[in-house]
Amino acid sequence: MDYVVYKITFPNGKIYVGKDIGGQGHSLRYFGSWSNKLVAQDFSTEQLKDFTLRKTILFESEDKDEVSRKEVFYIDALKSNDPSIGYNRTYQKPSF
């Protein structure tokens, strides 16, 4: 089974980069663990009533460690921890 690094694109263009190494691979139900409170403050109640997310697979591998390293790579490369770009706000670069 492949594990993946994905990018979620929100209606405002901001992104969240995450990984799925929970054994689900290309899970249709898993869309990450971003902060709901953080995302919700960027949208009005009316906007949240019709809300579309886009999930893009950026990388896949059968090696969990490789996926973890690629997640870090993509968060850095796409700058999704920059508040003006994305929602990876609690991200701290690990030392591998």
PDB file of N, CA and C in Angstrom:
ATOM      1  N   MET A   1       0.840  -1.182   0.000  1.00  0.00           N
ATOM      2  CA  MET A   1       0.000   0.000   0.000  1.00  0.00           C
ATOM      3  C   MET A   1       0.881   1.238   0.000  1.00  0.00           C
ATOM      4  N   ASP A   2       0.504   2.195  -0.806  1.00  0.00           N
ATOM      5  CA  ASP A   2       1.252   3.447  -0.875  1.00  0.00           C
ATOM      6  C   ASP A   2       0.782   4.418   0.191  1.00  0.00           C
ATOM      7  N   TYR A   3       1.749   5.134   0.743  1.00  0.00           N
ATOM      8  CA  TYR A   3       1.486   6.253   1.629  1.00  0.00           C
ATOM      9  C   TYR A   3       1.669   7.504   0.793  1.00  0.00           C
ATOM     10  N   VAL A   4       1.040   8.601   1.194  1.00  0.00           N
ATOM     11  CA  VAL A   4       1.043   9.771   0.323  1.00  0.00           C
ATOM     12  C   VAL A   4       1.320  11.074   1.066  1.00  0.00           C
ATOM     13  N   VAL A   5       1.808  12.046   0.307  1.00  0.00           N
ATOM     14  CA  VAL A   5       1.853  13.450   0.702  1.00  0.00           C
ATOM     15  C   VAL A   5       0.836  14.137  -0.198  1.00  0.00           C
ATOM     16  N   TYR A   6      -0.010  14.964   0.392  1.00  0.00           N
ATOM     17  CA  TYR A   6      -1.061  15.615  -0.381  1.00  0.00           C
ATOM     18  C   TYR A   6      -1.078  17.114  -0.092  1.00  0.00           C
ATOM     19  N   LYS A   7      -1.739  17.824  -0.972  1.00  0.00           N
ATOM     20  CA  LYS A   7      -1.967  19.266  -0.797  1.00  0.00           C
ATOM     21  C   LYS A   7      -3.468  19.490  -0.862  1.00  0.00           C
ATOM     22  N   ILE A   8      -3.990  20.188   0.127  1.00  0.00           N
ATOM     23  CA  ILE A   8      -5.391  20.599   0.117  1.00  0.00           C
ATOM     24  C   ILE A   8      -5.416  22.073  -0.280  1.00  0.00           C
ATOM     25  N   THR A   9      -6.219  22.403  -1.283  1.00  0.00           N
ATOM     26  CA  THR A   9      -6.375  23.796  -1.701  1.00  0.00           C
ATOM     27  C   THR A   9      -7.773  24.253  -1.291  1.00  0.00           C
ATOM     28  N   PHE A  10      -7.822  25.354  -0.561  1.00  0.00           N
ATOM     29  CA  PHE A  10      -9.061  25.914  -0.055  1.00  0.00           C
ATOM     30  C   PHE A  10      -9.612  26.943  -1.044  1.00  0.00           C
ATOM     31  N   PRO A  11     -10.890  27.312  -0.921  1.00  0.00           N
ATOM     32  CA  PRO A  11     -11.487  28.276  -1.863  1.00  0.00           C
ATOM     33  C   PRO A  11     -10.767  29.620  -1.940  1.00  0.00           C
ATOM     34  N   ASN A  12     -10.067  30.018  -0.897  1.00  0.00           N
ATOM     35  CA  ASN A  12      -9.343  31.295  -0.910  1.00  0.00           C
ATOM     36  C   ASN A  12      -7.938  31.154  -1.502  1.00  0.00           C
ATOM     37  N   GLY A  13      -7.588  29.961  -1.974  1.00  0.00           N
ATOM     38  CA  GLY A  13      -6.285  29.736  -2.592  1.00  0.00           C
ATOM     39  C   GLY A  13      -5.204  29.294  -1.619  1.00  0.00           C
ATOM     40  N   LYS A  14      -5.475  29.394  -0.310  1.00  0.00           N
ATOM     41  CA  LYS A  14      -4.489  28.931   0.658  1.00  0.00           C
ATOM     42  C   LYS A  14      -4.420  27.400   0.646  1.00  0.00           C
ATOM     43  N   ILE A  15      -3.289  26.872   1.122  1.00  0.00           N
ATOM     44  CA  ILE A  15      -3.069  25.430   1.037  1.00  0.00           C
ATOM     45  C   ILE A  15      -2.688  24.833   2.393  1.00  0.00           C
ATOM     46  N   TYR A  16      -2.848  23.539   2.465  1.00  0.00           N
ATOM     47  CA  TYR A  16      -2.392  22.746   3.602  1.00  0.00           C
ATOM     48  C   TYR A  16      -1.702  21.520   3.022  1.00  0.00           C
ATOM     49  N   VAL A  17      -0.493  21.220   3.496  1.00  0.00           N
ATOM     50  CA  VAL A  17       0.246  20.039   3.051  1.00  0.00           C
ATOM     51  C   VAL A  17       0.263  19.039   4.199  1.00  0.00           C
ATOM     52  N   GLY A  18      -0.048  17.798   3.891  1.00  0.00           N
ATOM     53  CA  GLY A  18      -0.060  16.762   4.907  1.00  0.00           C
ATOM     54  C   GLY A  18       0.343  15.425   4.330  1.00  0.00           C
ATOM     55  N   LYS A  19       0.330  14.424   5.194  1.00  0.00           N
ATOM     56  CA  LYS A  19       0.676  13.077   4.763  1.00  0.00           C
ATOM     57  C   LYS A  19      -0.368  12.111   5.305  1.00  0.00           C
ATOM     58  N   ASP A  20      -0.519  11.001   4.612  1.00  0.00           N
ATOM     59  CA  ASP A  20      -1.398   9.926   5.062  1.00  0.00           C
ATOM     60  C   ASP A  20      -0.554   8.667   5.149  1.00  0.00           C
ATOM     61  N   ILE A  21      -0.166   8.323   6.373  1.00  0.00           N
ATOM     62  CA  ILE A  21       0.612   7.100   6.588  1.00  0.00           C
ATOM     63  C   ILE A  21      -0.132   6.176   7.550  1.00  0.00           C
ATOM     64  N   GLY A  22      -1.431   6.373   7.630  1.00  0.00           N
ATOM     65  CA  GLY A  22      -2.247   5.578   8.533  1.00  0.00           C
ATOM     66  C   GLY A  22      -2.737   4.278   7.931  1.00  0.00           C
ATOM     67  N   GLY A  23      -2.131   3.865   6.837  1.00  0.00           N
ATOM     68  CA  GLY A  23      -2.539   2.614   6.221  1.00  0.00           C
ATOM     69  C   GLY A  23      -3.672   2.762   5.228  1.00  0.00           C
ATOM     70  N   GLN A  24      -4.146   3.991   5.023  1.00  0.00           N
ATOM     71  CA  GLN A  24      -5.247   4.214   4.101  1.00  0.00           C
ATOM     72  C   GLN A  24      -4.783   4.567   2.688  1.00  0.00           C
ATOM     73  N   GLY A  25      -3.531   4.989   2.557  1.00  0.00           N
ATOM     74  CA  GLY A  25      -3.043   5.371   1.232  1.00  0.00           C
ATOM     75  C   GLY A  25      -3.851   6.505   0.648  1.00  0.00           C
ATOM     76  N   HIS A  26      -4.537   6.229  -0.423  1.00  0.00           N
ATOM     77  CA  HIS A  26      -5.346   7.241  -1.111  1.00  0.00           C
ATOM     78  C   HIS A  26      -6.750   7.286  -0.515  1.00  0.00           C
ATOM     79  N   SER A  27      -6.851   7.580   0.752  1.00  0.00           N
ATOM     80  CA  SER A  27      -8.143   7.606   1.424  1.00  0.00           C
ATOM     81  C   SER A  27      -8.997   8.758   0.913  1.00  0.00           C
ATOM     82  N   LEU A  28     -10.202   8.458   0.532  1.00  0.00           N
ATOM     83  CA  LEU A  28     -11.129   9.504   0.097  1.00  0.00           C
ATOM     84  C   LEU A  28     -11.669  10.295   1.267  1.00  0.00           C
ATOM     85  N   ARG A  29     -11.649   9.718   2.454  1.00  0.00           N
ATOM     86  CA  ARG A  29     -12.244  10.367   3.619  1.00  0.00           C
ATOM     87  C   ARG A  29     -11.267  11.224   4.400  1.00  0.00           C
ATOM     88  N   TYR A  30      -9.978  11.048   4.210  1.00  0.00           N
ATOM     89  CA  TYR A  30      -9.006  11.782   5.023  1.00  0.00           C
ATOM     90  C   TYR A  30      -8.547  13.047   4.312  1.00  0.00           C
ATOM     91  N   PHE A  31      -8.771  14.180   4.957  1.00  0.00           N
ATOM     92  CA  PHE A  31      -8.404  15.477   4.388  1.00  0.00           C
ATOM     93  C   PHE A  31      -7.516  16.282   5.318  1.00  0.00           C
ATOM     94  N   GLY A  32      -6.793  15.613   6.193  1.00  0.00           N
ATOM     95  CA  GLY A  32      -5.812  16.308   7.004  1.00  0.00           C
ATOM     96  C   GLY A  32      -6.288  16.707   8.380  1.00  0.00           C
ATOM     97  N   SER A  33      -5.386  17.347   9.090  1.00  0.00           N
ATOM     98  CA  SER A  33      -5.674  17.737  10.471  1.00  0.00           C
ATOM     99  C   SER A  33      -5.311  19.203  10.703  1.00  0.00           C
ATOM    100  N   TRP A  34      -5.712  20.042   9.791  1.00  0.00           N
ATOM    101  CA  TRP A  34      -5.484  21.474   9.963  1.00  0.00           C
ATOM    102  C   TRP A  34      -6.388  21.985  11.083  1.00  0.00           C
ATOM    103  N   SER A  35      -6.144  23.189  11.515  1.00  0.00           N
ATOM    104  CA  SER A  35      -6.950  23.803  12.569  1.00  0.00           C
ATOM    105  C   SER A  35      -8.257  24.331  11.976  1.00  0.00           C
ATOM    106  N   ASN A  36      -9.379  23.724  12.379  1.00  0.00           N
ATOM    107  CA  ASN A  36     -10.681  24.193  11.895  1.00  0.00           C
ATOM    108  C   ASN A  36     -10.911  25.652  12.257  1.00  0.00           C
ATOM    109  N   LYS A  37     -10.508  26.028  13.466  1.00  0.00           N
ATOM    110  CA  LYS A  37     -10.698  27.409  13.927  1.00  0.00           C
ATOM    111  C   LYS A  37      -9.927  28.385  13.037  1.00  0.00           C
ATOM    112  N   LEU A  38      -8.715  28.022  12.699  1.00  0.00           N
ATOM    113  CA  LEU A  38      -7.867  28.868  11.868  1.00  0.00           C
ATOM    114  C   LEU A  38      -8.466  29.043  10.468  1.00  0.00           C
ATOM    115  N   VAL A  39      -8.921  27.954   9.885  1.00  0.00           N
ATOM    116  CA  VAL A  39      -9.520  28.021   8.552  1.00  0.00           C
ATOM    117  C   VAL A  39     -10.830  28.805   8.598  1.00  0.00           C
ATOM    118  N   ALA A  40     -11.670  28.511   9.583  1.00  0.00           N
ATOM    119  CA  ALA A  40     -12.988  29.149   9.665  1.00  0.00           C
ATOM    120  C   ALA A  40     -12.907  30.670   9.784  1.00  0.00           C
ATOM    121  N   GLN A  41     -11.860  31.180  10.415  1.00  0.00           N
ATOM    122  CA  GLN A  41     -11.775  32.641  10.563  1.00  0.00           C
ATOM    123  C   GLN A  41     -11.461  33.338   9.245  1.00  0.00           C
ATOM    124  N   ASP A  42     -11.065  32.585   8.237  1.00  0.00           N
ATOM    125  CA  ASP A  42     -10.805  33.174   6.916  1.00  0.00           C
ATOM    126  C   ASP A  42     -12.046  33.209   6.027  1.00  0.00           C
ATOM    127  N   PHE A  43     -13.156  32.648   6.516  1.00  0.00           N
ATOM    128  CA  PHE A  43     -14.366  32.554   5.702  1.00  0.00           C
ATOM    129  C   PHE A  43     -15.583  33.015   6.502  1.00  0.00           C
ATOM    130  N   SER A  44     -16.537  33.597   5.794  1.00  0.00           N
ATOM    131  CA  SER A  44     -17.788  33.995   6.443  1.00  0.00           C
ATOM    132  C   SER A  44     -18.663  32.752   6.629  1.00  0.00           C
ATOM    133  N   THR A  45     -19.670  32.878   7.467  1.00  0.00           N
ATOM    134  CA  THR A  45     -20.627  31.784   7.675  1.00  0.00           C
ATOM    135  C   THR A  45     -21.280  31.420   6.355  1.00  0.00           C
ATOM    136  N   GLU A  46     -21.595  32.417   5.564  1.00  0.00           N
ATOM    137  CA  GLU A  46     -22.221  32.176   4.256  1.00  0.00           C
ATOM    138  C   GLU A  46     -21.281  31.390   3.333  1.00  0.00           C
ATOM    139  N   GLN A  47     -20.002  31.755   3.320  1.00  0.00           N
ATOM    140  CA  GLN A  47     -19.033  31.046   2.480  1.00  0.00           C
ATOM    141  C   GLN A  47     -18.867  29.596   2.929  1.00  0.00           C
ATOM    142  N   LEU A  48     -18.970  29.342   4.201  1.00  0.00           N
ATOM    143  CA  LEU A  48     -18.803  27.982   4.718  1.00  0.00           C
ATOM    144  C   LEU A  48     -19.988  27.069   4.381  1.00  0.00           C
ATOM    145  N   LYS A  49     -21.082  27.645   3.921  1.00  0.00           N
ATOM    146  CA  LYS A  49     -22.252  26.851   3.548  1.00  0.00           C
ATOM    147  C   LYS A  49     -22.080  26.140   2.217  1.00  0.00           C
ATOM    148  N   ASP A  50     -21.172  26.630   1.381  1.00  0.00           N
ATOM    149  CA  ASP A  50     -20.883  25.992   0.081  1.00  0.00           C
ATOM    150  C   ASP A  50     -19.367  26.033  -0.081  1.00  0.00           C
ATOM    151  N   PHE A  51     -18.710  24.990   0.366  1.00  0.00           N
ATOM    152  CA  PHE A  51     -17.264  24.993   0.571  1.00  0.00           C
ATOM    153  C   PHE A  51     -16.642  23.817  -0.171  1.00  0.00           C
ATOM    154  N   THR A  52     -15.764  24.097  -1.098  1.00  0.00           N
ATOM    155  CA  THR A  52     -15.137  23.054  -1.897  1.00  0.00           C
ATOM    156  C   THR A  52     -13.636  23.014  -1.633  1.00  0.00           C
ATOM    157  N   LEU A  53     -13.135  21.819  -1.366  1.00  0.00           N
ATOM    158  CA  LEU A  53     -11.700  21.598  -1.189  1.00  0.00           C
ATOM    159  C   LEU A  53     -11.186  20.777  -2.355  1.00  0.00           C
ATOM    160  N   ARG A  54      -9.925  20.988  -2.688  1.00  0.00           N
ATOM    161  CA  ARG A  54      -9.289  20.174  -3.719  1.00  0.00           C
ATOM    162  C   ARG A  54      -8.106  19.452  -3.076  1.00  0.00           C
ATOM    163  N   LYS A  55      -8.057  18.142  -3.254  1.00  0.00           N
ATOM    164  CA  LYS A  55      -6.971  17.328  -2.714  1.00  0.00           C
ATOM    165  C   LYS A  55      -6.127  16.827  -3.877  1.00  0.00           C
ATOM    166  N   THR A  56      -4.833  17.161  -3.828  1.00  0.00           N
ATOM    167  CA  THR A  56      -3.899  16.770  -4.871  1.00  0.00           C
ATOM    168  C   THR A  56      -2.807  15.906  -4.248  1.00  0.00           C
ATOM    169  N   ILE A  57      -2.563  14.736  -4.810  1.00  0.00           N
ATOM    170  CA  ILE A  57      -1.486  13.876  -4.327  1.00  0.00           C
ATOM    171  C   ILE A  57      -0.183  14.394  -4.929  1.00  0.00           C
ATOM    172  N   LEU A  58       0.765  14.753  -4.056  1.00  0.00           N
ATOM    173  CA  LEU A  58       2.050  15.292  -4.502  1.00  0.00           C
ATOM    174  C   LEU A  58       3.130  14.228  -4.598  1.00  0.00           C
ATOM    175  N   PHE A  59       3.017  13.185  -3.765  1.00  0.00           N
ATOM    176  CA  PHE A  59       4.064  12.166  -3.702  1.00  0.00           C
ATOM    177  C   PHE A  59       3.477  10.906  -3.095  1.00  0.00           C
ATOM    178  N   GLU A  60       3.933   9.752  -3.563  1.00  0.00           N
ATOM    179  CA  GLU A  60       3.505   8.497  -2.966  1.00  0.00           C
ATOM    180  C   GLU A  60       4.670   7.517  -2.912  1.00  0.00           C
ATOM    181  N   SER A  61       4.658   6.700  -1.874  1.00  0.00           N
ATOM    182  CA  SER A  61       5.732   5.727  -1.668  1.00  0.00           C
ATOM    183  C   SER A  61       5.229   4.656  -0.703  1.00  0.00           C
ATOM    184  N   GLU A  62       5.881   3.532  -0.700  1.00  0.00           N
ATOM    185  CA  GLU A  62       5.576   2.484   0.266  1.00  0.00           C
ATOM    186  C   GLU A  62       6.422   2.651   1.533  1.00  0.00           C
ATOM    187  N   ASP A  63       7.296   3.648   1.552  1.00  0.00           N
ATOM    188  CA  ASP A  63       8.216   3.892   2.661  1.00  0.00           C
ATOM    189  C   ASP A  63       7.714   5.077   3.498  1.00  0.00           C
ATOM    190  N   LYS A  64       7.264   4.807   4.722  1.00  0.00           N
ATOM    191  CA  LYS A  64       6.722   5.862   5.596  1.00  0.00           C
ATOM    192  C   LYS A  64       7.741   6.969   5.874  1.00  0.00           C
ATOM    193  N   ASP A  65       8.993   6.585   6.093  1.00  0.00           N
ATOM    194  CA  ASP A  65      10.019   7.586   6.390  1.00  0.00           C
ATOM    195  C   ASP A  65      10.239   8.522   5.202  1.00  0.00           C
ATOM    196  N   GLU A  66      10.236   7.956   4.009  1.00  0.00           N
ATOM    197  CA  GLU A  66      10.406   8.771   2.803  1.00  0.00           C
ATOM    198  C   GLU A  66       9.240   9.753   2.667  1.00  0.00           C
ATOM    199  N   VAL A  67       8.027   9.291   2.954  1.00  0.00           N
ATOM    200  CA  VAL A  67       6.855  10.162   2.884  1.00  0.00           C
ATOM    201  C   VAL A  67       6.962  11.284   3.916  1.00  0.00           C
ATOM    202  N   SER A  68       7.440  10.961   5.108  1.00  0.00           N
ATOM    203  CA  SER A  68       7.611  11.998   6.137  1.00  0.00           C
ATOM    204  C   SER A  68       8.624  13.052   5.699  1.00  0.00           C
ATOM    205  N   ARG A  69       9.709  12.611   5.081  1.00  0.00           N
ATOM    206  CA  ARG A  69      10.710  13.574   4.589  1.00  0.00           C
ATOM    207  C   ARG A  69      10.140  14.430   3.457  1.00  0.00           C
ATOM    208  N   LYS A  70       9.361  13.816   2.579  1.00  0.00           N
ATOM    209  CA  LYS A  70       8.772  14.568   1.461  1.00  0.00           C
ATOM    210  C   LYS A  70       7.720  15.560   1.946  1.00  0.00           C
ATOM    211  N   GLU A  71       6.999  15.211   3.011  1.00  0.00           N
ATOM    212  CA  GLU A  71       6.032  16.155   3.567  1.00  0.00           C
ATOM    213  C   GLU A  71       6.759  17.435   3.998  1.00  0.00           C
ATOM    214  N   VAL A  72       7.873  17.277   4.695  1.00  0.00           N
ATOM    215  CA  VAL A  72       8.681  18.424   5.119  1.00  0.00           C
ATOM    216  C   VAL A  72       9.164  19.205   3.896  1.00  0.00           C
ATOM    217  N   PHE A  73       9.640  18.479   2.893  1.00  0.00           N
ATOM    218  CA  PHE A  73      10.113  19.123   1.667  1.00  0.00           C
ATOM    219  C   PHE A  73       9.013  19.992   1.051  1.00  0.00           C
ATOM    220  N   TYR A  74       7.804  19.435   0.908  1.00  0.00           N
ATOM    221  CA  TYR A  74       6.725  20.178   0.262  1.00  0.00           C
ATOM    222  C   TYR A  74       6.208  21.338   1.115  1.00  0.00           C
ATOM    223  N   ILE A  75       6.175  21.173   2.430  1.00  0.00           N
ATOM    224  CA  ILE A  75       5.772  22.298   3.285  1.00  0.00           C
ATOM    225  C   ILE A  75       6.747  23.459   3.092  1.00  0.00           C
ATOM    226  N   ASP A  76       8.037  23.142   3.059  1.00  0.00           N
ATOM    227  CA  ASP A  76       9.047  24.184   2.838  1.00  0.00           C
ATOM    228  C   ASP A  76       8.978  24.757   1.428  1.00  0.00           C
ATOM    229  N   ALA A  77       8.906  23.878   0.425  1.00  0.00           N
ATOM    230  CA  ALA A  77       8.922  24.316  -0.976  1.00  0.00           C
ATOM    231  C   ALA A  77       7.692  25.163  -1.325  1.00  0.00           C
ATOM    232  N   LEU A  78       6.528  24.768  -0.810  1.00  0.00           N
ATOM    233  CA  LEU A  78       5.294  25.487  -1.128  1.00  0.00           C
ATOM    234  C   LEU A  78       4.988  26.598  -0.128  1.00  0.00           C
ATOM    235  N   LYS A  79       5.805  26.683   0.922  1.00  0.00           N
ATOM    236  CA  LYS A  79       5.666  27.720   1.957  1.00  0.00           C
ATOM    237  C   LYS A  79       4.287  27.707   2.624  1.00  0.00           C
ATOM    238  N   SER A  80       3.749  26.506   2.816  1.00  0.00           N
ATOM    239  CA  SER A  80       2.404  26.402   3.383  1.00  0.00           C
ATOM    240  C   SER A  80       2.347  26.744   4.870  1.00  0.00           C
ATOM    241  N   ASN A  81       3.506  26.983   5.490  1.00  0.00           N
ATOM    242  CA  ASN A  81       3.526  27.438   6.878  1.00  0.00           C
ATOM    243  C   ASN A  81       3.555  28.968   6.974  1.00  0.00           C
ATOM    244  N   ASP A  82       3.590  29.647   5.840  1.00  0.00           N
ATOM    245  CA  ASP A  82       3.486  31.103   5.790  1.00  0.00           C
ATOM    246  C   ASP A  82       1.997  31.457   5.883  1.00  0.00           C
ATOM    247  N   PRO A  83       1.571  32.229   6.877  1.00  0.00           N
ATOM    248  CA  PRO A  83       0.150  32.537   7.055  1.00  0.00           C
ATOM    249  C   PRO A  83      -0.532  33.148   5.831  1.00  0.00           C
ATOM    250  N   SER A  84       0.215  33.799   4.971  1.00  0.00           N
ATOM    251  CA  SER A  84      -0.402  34.377   3.772  1.00  0.00           C
ATOM    252  C   SER A  84      -0.586  33.337   2.670  1.00  0.00           C
ATOM    253  N   ILE A  85       0.002  32.165   2.841  1.00  0.00           N
ATOM    254  CA  ILE A  85      -0.036  31.119   1.811  1.00  0.00           C
ATOM    255  C   ILE A  85      -0.801  29.878   2.268  1.00  0.00           C
ATOM    256  N   GLY A  86      -0.644  29.505   3.533  1.00  0.00           N
ATOM    257  CA  GLY A  86      -1.229  28.240   3.927  1.00  0.00           C
ATOM    258  C   GLY A  86      -1.581  28.105   5.385  1.00  0.00           C
ATOM    259  N   TYR A  87      -2.004  26.877   5.709  1.00  0.00           N
ATOM    260  CA  TYR A  87      -2.521  26.563   7.036  1.00  0.00           C
ATOM    261  C   TYR A  87      -1.642  25.598   7.833  1.00  0.00           C
ATOM    262  N   ASN A  88      -0.415  25.376   7.441  1.00  0.00           N
ATOM    263  CA  ASN A  88       0.505  24.561   8.232  1.00  0.00           C
ATOM    264  C   ASN A  88       1.153  25.434   9.305  1.00  0.00           C
ATOM    265  N   ARG A  89       0.374  26.016  10.183  1.00  0.00           N
ATOM    266  CA  ARG A  89       0.862  27.004  11.142  1.00  0.00           C
ATOM    267  C   ARG A  89       1.621  26.397  12.311  1.00  0.00           C
ATOM    268  N   THR A  90       1.306  25.180  12.692  1.00  0.00           N
ATOM    269  CA  THR A  90       1.977  24.579  13.849  1.00  0.00           C
ATOM    270  C   THR A  90       3.194  23.771  13.434  1.00  0.00           C
ATOM    271  N   TYR A  91       3.491  23.782  12.161  1.00  0.00           N
ATOM    272  CA  TYR A  91       4.616  23.005  11.617  1.00  0.00           C
ATOM    273  C   TYR A  91       5.953  23.509  12.153  1.00  0.00           C
ATOM    274  N   GLN A  92       6.761  22.572  12.604  1.00  0.00           N
ATOM    275  CA  GLN A  92       8.143  22.868  12.974  1.00  0.00           C
ATOM    276  C   GLN A  92       8.996  21.839  12.286  1.00  0.00           C
ATOM    277  N   LYS A  93       9.978  22.302  11.560  1.00  0.00           N
ATOM    278  CA  LYS A  93      10.818  21.406  10.767  1.00  0.00           C
ATOM    279  C   LYS A  93      11.530  20.409  11.682  1.00  0.00           C
ATOM    280  N   PRO A  94      11.284  19.111  11.460  1.00  0.00           N
ATOM    281  CA  PRO A  94      11.956  18.099  12.272  1.00  0.00           C
ATOM    282  C   PRO A  94      13.396  17.886  11.814  1.00  0.00           C
ATOM    283  N   SER A  95      14.187  17.329  12.674  1.00  0.00           N
ATOM    284  CA  SER A  95      15.560  16.980  12.281  1.00  0.00           C
ATOM    285  C   SER A  95      15.593  15.468  12.055  1.00  0.00           C
ATOM    286  N   PHE A  96      15.835  15.091  10.823  1.00  0.00           N
ATOM    287  CA  PHE A  96      15.865  13.664  10.475  1.00  0.00           C
ATOM    288  C   PHE A  96      17.279  13.140  10.631  1.00  0.00           C
TER     289      PHE A  96
END
